[in-house]
Amino acid sequence: MRRPATAASARVLDIPDIRPHDRRVDLAAAQLDLIAGLMVLDPPVFLFGGYAEDALLYGTVARPHDDVDVFVWRDDLPSRLDQVRTLGFDSIESRFEPSPGRPLVVGAARGDLQLELCIGDRAGGRAHFDLPAEDGLGRVWLPDDLVDHPMQQLDDLVVRTLSPLALYQVRMASASVFGGFRPKDELSQAALRDRFFASSSEADLAPAVTHVNA
């Protein structure tokens, strides 16, 4: 959802440690224009990953990002892929499948723009996603406030994000599968914890995980 603003070509971004004419600034401006287009889709999509954390923690683009991540429901995926094509993305692929035929991440490209759809499931009114685990899959149950967090400012946009707790728990659950935290992940987890969960223990913040046969 966009507030009245100047044209994309005139967008001025002040990203720490990045010079104004660095190509990453142009990419960030294009990514924000993409986010503006995503925020008007129906049914709503929700920012995930780095841009969601920038909105929640800083209200502005705080660092360069390789892609734009959004959360969608699996039962909406066919219509979401149609919407992605309407936005001009013609290179669409499954990028991570914990079990065959059930992607967790679908990626799409439009020139230098990379978009990733992160897919959640619903069972009995509860949201979850599956990750590889010993002897099957681990079903990670997401918090009740997953898509109920208030809308946030991101530069001249007003955006929907996953909740801080959902972002924190997804990264916790995914770390062992993807080789642990990268330095930027550690910084983001610390920032989320300091802002939203300073009085909570890691045990309190850990997601519920149950075993599922593959």
C-alpha atoms as a PDB file:
ATOM      1  CA  MET A   1       0.000   0.000   0.000  1.00  0.00           C
ATOM      2  CA  ARG A   2       1.635   3.215  -1.174  1.00  0.00           C
ATOM      3  CA  ARG A   3       1.317   6.664   0.307  1.00  0.00           C
ATOM      4  CA  PRO A   4       1.444   9.615  -2.104  1.00  0.00           C
ATOM      5  CA  ALA A   5       5.057   9.788  -3.203  1.00  0.00           C
ATOM      6  CA  THR A   6       7.361  10.833  -5.993  1.00  0.00           C
ATOM      7  CA  ALA A   7       7.915   8.638  -9.022  1.00  0.00           C
ATOM      8  CA  ALA A   8      10.110   5.588  -8.589  1.00  0.00           C
ATOM      9  CA  SER A   9      12.892   7.158 -10.634  1.00  0.00           C
ATOM     10  CA  ALA A  10      13.065  10.007  -8.130  1.00  0.00           C
ATOM     11  CA  ARG A  11      13.026   7.808  -5.039  1.00  0.00           C
ATOM     12  CA  VAL A  12      15.878   8.768  -2.708  1.00  0.00           C
ATOM     13  CA  LEU A  13      17.182   6.036  -0.433  1.00  0.00           C
ATOM     14  CA  ASP A  14      19.760   6.480   2.287  1.00  0.00           C
ATOM     15  CA  ILE A  15      21.082   2.986   3.013  1.00  0.00           C
ATOM     16  CA  PRO A  16      23.877   2.883   5.607  1.00  0.00           C
ATOM     17  CA  ASP A  17      27.365   2.396   4.101  1.00  0.00           C
ATOM     18  CA  ILE A  18      26.030   2.433   0.505  1.00  0.00           C
ATOM     19  CA  ARG A  19      26.840   5.381  -1.764  1.00  0.00           C
ATOM     20  CA  PRO A  20      23.851   7.032  -3.526  1.00  0.00           C
ATOM     21  CA  HIS A  21      24.920   5.925  -7.022  1.00  0.00           C
ATOM     22  CA  ASP A  22      25.732   2.345  -6.077  1.00  0.00           C
ATOM     23  CA  ARG A  23      23.626  -0.035  -8.231  1.00  0.00           C
ATOM     24  CA  ARG A  24      22.332  -1.600  -5.015  1.00  0.00           C
ATOM     25  CA  VAL A  25      20.424   1.627  -4.383  1.00  0.00           C
ATOM     26  CA  ASP A  26      18.733   1.296  -7.791  1.00  0.00           C
ATOM     27  CA  LEU A  27      17.918  -2.333  -6.991  1.00  0.00           C
ATOM     28  CA  ALA A  28      16.453  -1.362  -3.614  1.00  0.00           C
ATOM     29  CA  ALA A  29      14.253   1.252  -5.301  1.00  0.00           C
ATOM     30  CA  ALA A  30      13.010  -1.368  -7.768  1.00  0.00           C
ATOM     31  CA  GLN A  31      12.392  -3.771  -4.894  1.00  0.00           C
ATOM     32  CA  LEU A  32      10.311  -1.157  -3.074  1.00  0.00           C
ATOM     33  CA  ASP A  33       8.253  -0.621  -6.224  1.00  0.00           C
ATOM     34  CA  LEU A  34       7.721  -4.382  -6.363  1.00  0.00           C
ATOM     35  CA  ILE A  35       6.644  -4.389  -2.711  1.00  0.00           C
ATOM     36  CA  ALA A  36       4.158  -1.603  -3.485  1.00  0.00           C
ATOM     37  CA  GLY A  37       2.641  -3.798  -6.185  1.00  0.00           C
ATOM     38  CA  LEU A  38       2.553  -6.826  -3.903  1.00  0.00           C
ATOM     39  CA  MET A  39       0.767  -4.934  -1.139  1.00  0.00           C
ATOM     40  CA  VAL A  40      -2.308  -4.338  -3.317  1.00  0.00           C
ATOM     41  CA  LEU A  41      -2.791  -8.003  -4.221  1.00  0.00           C
ATOM     42  CA  ASP A  42      -5.971  -9.745  -3.120  1.00  0.00           C
ATOM     43  CA  PRO A  43      -6.017 -11.736  -0.913  1.00  0.00           C
ATOM     44  CA  PRO A  44      -3.242  -9.982   1.015  1.00  0.00           C
ATOM     45  CA  VAL A  45       0.361 -11.146   1.047  1.00  0.00           C
ATOM     46  CA  PHE A  46       2.767 -10.485   3.910  1.00  0.00           C
ATOM     47  CA  LEU A  47       6.383  -9.387   3.820  1.00  0.00           C
ATOM     48  CA  PHE A  48       8.809 -11.923   5.201  1.00  0.00           C
ATOM     49  CA  GLY A  49      12.571 -11.950   5.685  1.00  0.00           C
ATOM     50  CA  GLY A  50      14.848  -8.930   5.543  1.00  0.00           C
ATOM     51  CA  TYR A  51      12.370  -6.360   4.288  1.00  0.00           C
ATOM     52  CA  ALA A  52       9.842  -7.361   6.947  1.00  0.00           C
ATOM     53  CA  GLU A  53      12.513  -6.869   9.597  1.00  0.00           C
ATOM     54  CA  ASP A  54      13.521  -3.494   8.151  1.00  0.00           C
ATOM     55  CA  ALA A  55       9.892  -2.358   8.408  1.00  0.00           C
ATOM     56  CA  LEU A  56       9.412  -3.679  11.947  1.00  0.00           C
ATOM     57  CA  LEU A  57      12.711  -2.472  13.358  1.00  0.00           C
ATOM     58  CA  TYR A  58      13.608   0.687  11.430  1.00  0.00           C
ATOM     59  CA  GLY A  59      10.745   1.824   9.183  1.00  0.00           C
ATOM     60  CA  THR A  60      13.192   2.174   6.300  1.00  0.00           C
ATOM     61  CA  VAL A  61      15.571   0.138   4.161  1.00  0.00           C
ATOM     62  CA  ALA A  62      18.447  -0.528   6.544  1.00  0.00           C
ATOM     63  CA  ARG A  63      20.690  -2.675   4.323  1.00  0.00           C
ATOM     64  CA  PRO A  64      20.838  -4.076   0.788  1.00  0.00           C
ATOM     65  CA  HIS A  65      18.700  -7.144   0.101  1.00  0.00           C
ATOM     66  CA  ASP A  66      19.172  -9.837  -2.529  1.00  0.00           C
ATOM     67  CA  ASP A  67      15.456 -10.426  -2.937  1.00  0.00           C
ATOM     68  CA  VAL A  68      11.936  -9.714  -1.721  1.00  0.00           C
ATOM     69  CA  ASP A  69      10.326 -12.455   0.375  1.00  0.00           C
ATOM     70  CA  VAL A  70       6.588 -12.781   0.943  1.00  0.00           C
ATOM     71  CA  PHE A  71       4.492 -15.292   2.856  1.00  0.00           C
ATOM     72  CA  VAL A  72       1.564 -16.979   1.097  1.00  0.00           C
ATOM     73  CA  TRP A  73      -0.756 -19.876   1.902  1.00  0.00           C
ATOM     74  CA  ARG A  74      -0.335 -23.123  -0.016  1.00  0.00           C
ATOM     75  CA  ASP A  75      -4.008 -23.254  -1.008  1.00  0.00           C
ATOM     76  CA  ASP A  76      -3.561 -19.828  -2.654  1.00  0.00           C
ATOM     77  CA  LEU A  77      -0.383 -20.813  -4.522  1.00  0.00           C
ATOM     78  CA  PRO A  78      -1.854 -21.354  -8.039  1.00  0.00           C
ATOM     79  CA  SER A  79      -3.505 -17.916  -8.017  1.00  0.00           C
ATOM     80  CA  ARG A  80      -0.357 -16.380  -6.524  1.00  0.00           C
ATOM     81  CA  LEU A  81       1.726 -17.712  -9.395  1.00  0.00           C
ATOM     82  CA  ASP A  82      -0.741 -16.153 -11.832  1.00  0.00           C
ATOM     83  CA  GLN A  83      -0.353 -12.838 -10.001  1.00  0.00           C
ATOM     84  CA  VAL A  84       3.439 -13.131 -10.107  1.00  0.00           C
ATOM     85  CA  ARG A  85       3.291 -13.639 -13.867  1.00  0.00           C
ATOM     86  CA  THR A  86       1.038 -10.586 -14.165  1.00  0.00           C
ATOM     87  CA  LEU A  87       3.771  -8.607 -12.404  1.00  0.00           C
ATOM     88  CA  GLY A  88       6.164  -9.594 -15.180  1.00  0.00           C
ATOM     89  CA  PHE A  89       8.019 -12.511 -13.601  1.00  0.00           C
ATOM     90  CA  ASP A  90       8.508 -15.233 -16.205  1.00  0.00           C
ATOM     91  CA  SER A  91      11.168 -17.399 -14.553  1.00  0.00           C
ATOM     92  CA  ILE A  92       9.446 -19.352 -11.771  1.00  0.00           C
ATOM     93  CA  GLU A  93      10.921 -22.387 -10.019  1.00  0.00           C
ATOM     94  CA  SER A  94      10.712 -24.431  -6.850  1.00  0.00           C
ATOM     95  CA  ARG A  95      13.794 -23.552  -4.784  1.00  0.00           C
ATOM     96  CA  PHE A  96      13.314 -25.728  -1.709  1.00  0.00           C
ATOM     97  CA  GLU A  97      11.130 -28.810  -1.243  1.00  0.00           C
ATOM     98  CA  PRO A  98      11.265 -30.587   2.125  1.00  0.00           C
ATOM     99  CA  SER A  99       9.140 -33.313   0.537  1.00  0.00           C
ATOM    100  CA  PRO A 100       8.600 -34.037  -3.180  1.00  0.00           C
ATOM    101  CA  GLY A 101       5.959 -31.902  -4.850  1.00  0.00           C
ATOM    102  CA  ARG A 102       5.420 -29.661  -1.812  1.00  0.00           C
ATOM    103  CA  PRO A 103       7.685 -26.646  -2.171  1.00  0.00           C
ATOM    104  CA  LEU A 104       8.403 -24.477   0.833  1.00  0.00           C
ATOM    105  CA  VAL A 105      10.003 -21.748  -1.305  1.00  0.00           C
ATOM    106  CA  VAL A 106       9.115 -20.813  -4.888  1.00  0.00           C
ATOM    107  CA  GLY A 107      11.334 -18.260  -6.584  1.00  0.00           C
ATOM    108  CA  ALA A 108      10.687 -15.936  -9.496  1.00  0.00           C
ATOM    109  CA  ALA A 109      12.954 -13.586 -11.432  1.00  0.00           C
ATOM    110  CA  ARG A 110      12.411 -10.444 -13.507  1.00  0.00           C
ATOM    111  CA  GLY A 111      15.767  -9.163 -14.635  1.00  0.00           C
ATOM    112  CA  ASP A 112      17.743  -8.335 -11.491  1.00  0.00           C
ATOM    113  CA  LEU A 113      14.620  -8.575  -9.320  1.00  0.00           C
ATOM    114  CA  GLN A 114      14.267 -11.755  -7.301  1.00  0.00           C
ATOM    115  CA  LEU A 115      11.008 -12.649  -5.561  1.00  0.00           C
ATOM    116  CA  GLU A 116      10.554 -15.601  -3.215  1.00  0.00           C
ATOM    117  CA  LEU A 117       7.180 -16.963  -2.124  1.00  0.00           C
ATOM    118  CA  CYS A 118       7.493 -18.655   1.259  1.00  0.00           C
ATOM    119  CA  ILE A 119       4.622 -21.078   1.647  1.00  0.00           C
ATOM    120  CA  GLY A 120       2.671 -21.926   4.785  1.00  0.00           C
ATOM    121  CA  ASP A 121       0.044 -24.563   5.435  1.00  0.00           C
ATOM    122  CA  ARG A 122      -3.077 -24.539   7.595  1.00  0.00           C
ATOM    123  CA  ALA A 123      -4.373 -27.462   9.641  1.00  0.00           C
ATOM    124  CA  GLY A 124      -7.196 -27.221  12.157  1.00  0.00           C
ATOM    125  CA  GLY A 125      -6.938 -23.456  12.170  1.00  0.00           C
ATOM    126  CA  ARG A 126      -3.196 -23.501  12.938  1.00  0.00           C
ATOM    127  CA  ALA A 127      -0.394 -22.432  10.626  1.00  0.00           C
ATOM    128  CA  HIS A 128       2.707 -24.524  10.067  1.00  0.00           C
ATOM    129  CA  PHE A 129       5.468 -25.479   7.667  1.00  0.00           C
ATOM    130  CA  ASP A 130       7.594 -28.616   7.382  1.00  0.00           C
ATOM    131  CA  LEU A 131      11.375 -28.965   7.431  1.00  0.00           C
ATOM    132  CA  PRO A 132      13.622 -31.991   6.892  1.00  0.00           C
ATOM    133  CA  ALA A 133      14.373 -33.907  10.082  1.00  0.00           C
ATOM    134  CA  GLU A 134      15.749 -37.280  11.073  1.00  0.00           C
ATOM    135  CA  ASP A 135      13.368 -40.052  10.030  1.00  0.00           C
ATOM    136  CA  GLY A 136      10.870 -37.758   8.378  1.00  0.00           C
ATOM    137  CA  LEU A 137       9.860 -34.137   8.689  1.00  0.00           C
ATOM    138  CA  GLY A 138       9.634 -31.648  11.519  1.00  0.00           C
ATOM    139  CA  ARG A 139       6.358 -29.734  11.515  1.00  0.00           C
ATOM    140  CA  VAL A 140       6.993 -26.218  12.818  1.00  0.00           C
ATOM    141  CA  TRP A 141       3.883 -24.631  14.296  1.00  0.00           C
ATOM    142  CA  LEU A 142       3.657 -20.886  13.788  1.00  0.00           C
ATOM    143  CA  PRO A 143       2.318 -18.415  16.376  1.00  0.00           C
ATOM    144  CA  ASP A 144      -1.302 -17.323  16.510  1.00  0.00           C
ATOM    145  CA  ASP A 145      -0.352 -13.736  15.629  1.00  0.00           C
ATOM    146  CA  LEU A 146       1.420 -14.850  12.416  1.00  0.00           C
ATOM    147  CA  VAL A 147      -0.514 -12.515  10.073  1.00  0.00           C
ATOM    148  CA  ASP A 148      -2.186 -10.286  12.669  1.00  0.00           C
ATOM    149  CA  HIS A 149       0.575  -7.748  13.319  1.00  0.00           C
ATOM    150  CA  PRO A 150      -0.292  -4.071  12.690  1.00  0.00           C
ATOM    151  CA  MET A 151       0.752  -2.594   9.371  1.00  0.00           C
ATOM    152  CA  GLN A 152       4.185  -0.979   9.286  1.00  0.00           C
ATOM    153  CA  GLN A 153       5.977   1.875   7.572  1.00  0.00           C
ATOM    154  CA  LEU A 154       8.736   1.080   5.073  1.00  0.00           C
ATOM    155  CA  ASP A 155      10.034   4.351   3.664  1.00  0.00           C
ATOM    156  CA  ASP A 156       7.038   5.767   1.739  1.00  0.00           C
ATOM    157  CA  LEU A 157       5.073   2.496   1.859  1.00  0.00           C
ATOM    158  CA  VAL A 158       2.692   1.020   4.393  1.00  0.00           C
ATOM    159  CA  VAL A 159       3.184  -2.742   4.419  1.00  0.00           C
ATOM    160  CA  ARG A 160       1.901  -5.949   5.944  1.00  0.00           C
ATOM    161  CA  THR A 161       4.495  -8.141   7.630  1.00  0.00           C
ATOM    162  CA  LEU A 162       4.568 -11.387   9.506  1.00  0.00           C
ATOM    163  CA  SER A 163       4.678 -10.853  13.248  1.00  0.00           C
ATOM    164  CA  PRO A 164       8.027 -10.384  15.006  1.00  0.00           C
ATOM    165  CA  LEU A 165       7.552 -13.676  16.852  1.00  0.00           C
ATOM    166  CA  ALA A 166       6.874 -15.538  13.600  1.00  0.00           C
ATOM    167  CA  LEU A 167      10.042 -14.126  12.008  1.00  0.00           C
ATOM    168  CA  TYR A 168      12.088 -15.021  15.080  1.00  0.00           C
ATOM    169  CA  GLN A 169      10.727 -18.571  15.275  1.00  0.00           C
ATOM    170  CA  VAL A 170      11.086 -19.315  11.571  1.00  0.00           C
ATOM    171  CA  ARG A 171      14.761 -18.391  11.718  1.00  0.00           C
ATOM    172  CA  MET A 172      15.264 -20.463  14.886  1.00  0.00           C
ATOM    173  CA  ALA A 173      13.649 -23.509  13.300  1.00  0.00           C
ATOM    174  CA  SER A 174      15.465 -23.138   9.974  1.00  0.00           C
ATOM    175  CA  ALA A 175      18.962 -22.612  11.343  1.00  0.00           C
ATOM    176  CA  SER A 176      19.870 -26.281  11.749  1.00  0.00           C
ATOM    177  CA  VAL A 177      18.611 -27.136   8.254  1.00  0.00           C
ATOM    178  CA  PHE A 178      20.506 -24.341   6.534  1.00  0.00           C
ATOM    179  CA  GLY A 179      23.794 -24.606   8.405  1.00  0.00           C
ATOM    180  CA  GLY A 180      23.218 -22.237  11.310  1.00  0.00           C
ATOM    181  CA  PHE A 181      22.951 -18.473  11.502  1.00  0.00           C
ATOM    182  CA  ARG A 182      24.826 -16.208   9.120  1.00  0.00           C
ATOM    183  CA  PRO A 183      26.249 -13.021  10.685  1.00  0.00           C
ATOM    184  CA  LYS A 184      23.298 -10.987   9.370  1.00  0.00           C
ATOM    185  CA  ASP A 185      20.905 -13.550  10.865  1.00  0.00           C
ATOM    186  CA  GLU A 186      22.537 -13.195  14.264  1.00  0.00           C
ATOM    187  CA  LEU A 187      22.203  -9.412  14.067  1.00  0.00           C
ATOM    188  CA  SER A 188      18.551  -9.629  13.033  1.00  0.00           C
ATOM    189  CA  GLN A 189      17.680 -12.112  15.779  1.00  0.00           C
ATOM    190  CA  ALA A 190      19.366  -9.922  18.366  1.00  0.00           C
ATOM    191  CA  ALA A 191      17.551  -6.815  17.122  1.00  0.00           C
ATOM    192  CA  LEU A 192      14.161  -8.555  17.170  1.00  0.00           C
ATOM    193  CA  ARG A 193      14.783  -9.906  20.630  1.00  0.00           C
ATOM    194  CA  ASP A 194      15.942  -6.563  22.033  1.00  0.00           C
ATOM    195  CA  ARG A 195      12.942  -4.731  20.558  1.00  0.00           C
ATOM    196  CA  PHE A 196      10.127  -7.223  21.154  1.00  0.00           C
ATOM    197  CA  PHE A 197      11.200 -10.028  23.515  1.00  0.00           C
ATOM    198  CA  ALA A 198      13.723  -8.606  25.955  1.00  0.00           C
ATOM    199  CA  SER A 199      12.120 -10.329  28.950  1.00  0.00           C
ATOM    200  CA  SER A 200      11.654 -13.745  27.268  1.00  0.00           C
ATOM    201  CA  SER A 201      14.020 -16.700  27.368  1.00  0.00           C
ATOM    202  CA  GLU A 202      15.093 -18.636  24.288  1.00  0.00           C
ATOM    203  CA  ALA A 203      13.028 -21.566  25.570  1.00  0.00           C
ATOM    204  CA  ASP A 204       9.955 -19.329  25.739  1.00  0.00           C
ATOM    205  CA  LEU A 205      10.546 -18.153  22.169  1.00  0.00           C
ATOM    206  CA  ALA A 206      11.202 -21.565  20.612  1.00  0.00           C
ATOM    207  CA  PRO A 207       8.493 -22.804  18.232  1.00  0.00           C
ATOM    208  CA  ALA A 208       6.602 -26.018  18.830  1.00  0.00           C
ATOM    209  CA  VAL A 209       7.816 -28.778  16.505  1.00  0.00           C
ATOM    210  CA  THR A 210       6.216 -32.181  15.984  1.00  0.00           C
ATOM    211  CA  HIS A 211       7.401 -35.189  13.994  1.00  0.00           C
ATOM    212  CA  VAL A 212       5.717 -36.072  10.715  1.00  0.00           C
ATOM    213  CA  ASN A 213       6.442 -39.191   8.675  1.00  0.00           C
ATOM    214  CA  ALA A 214       7.790 -38.281   5.250  1.00  0.00           C
END
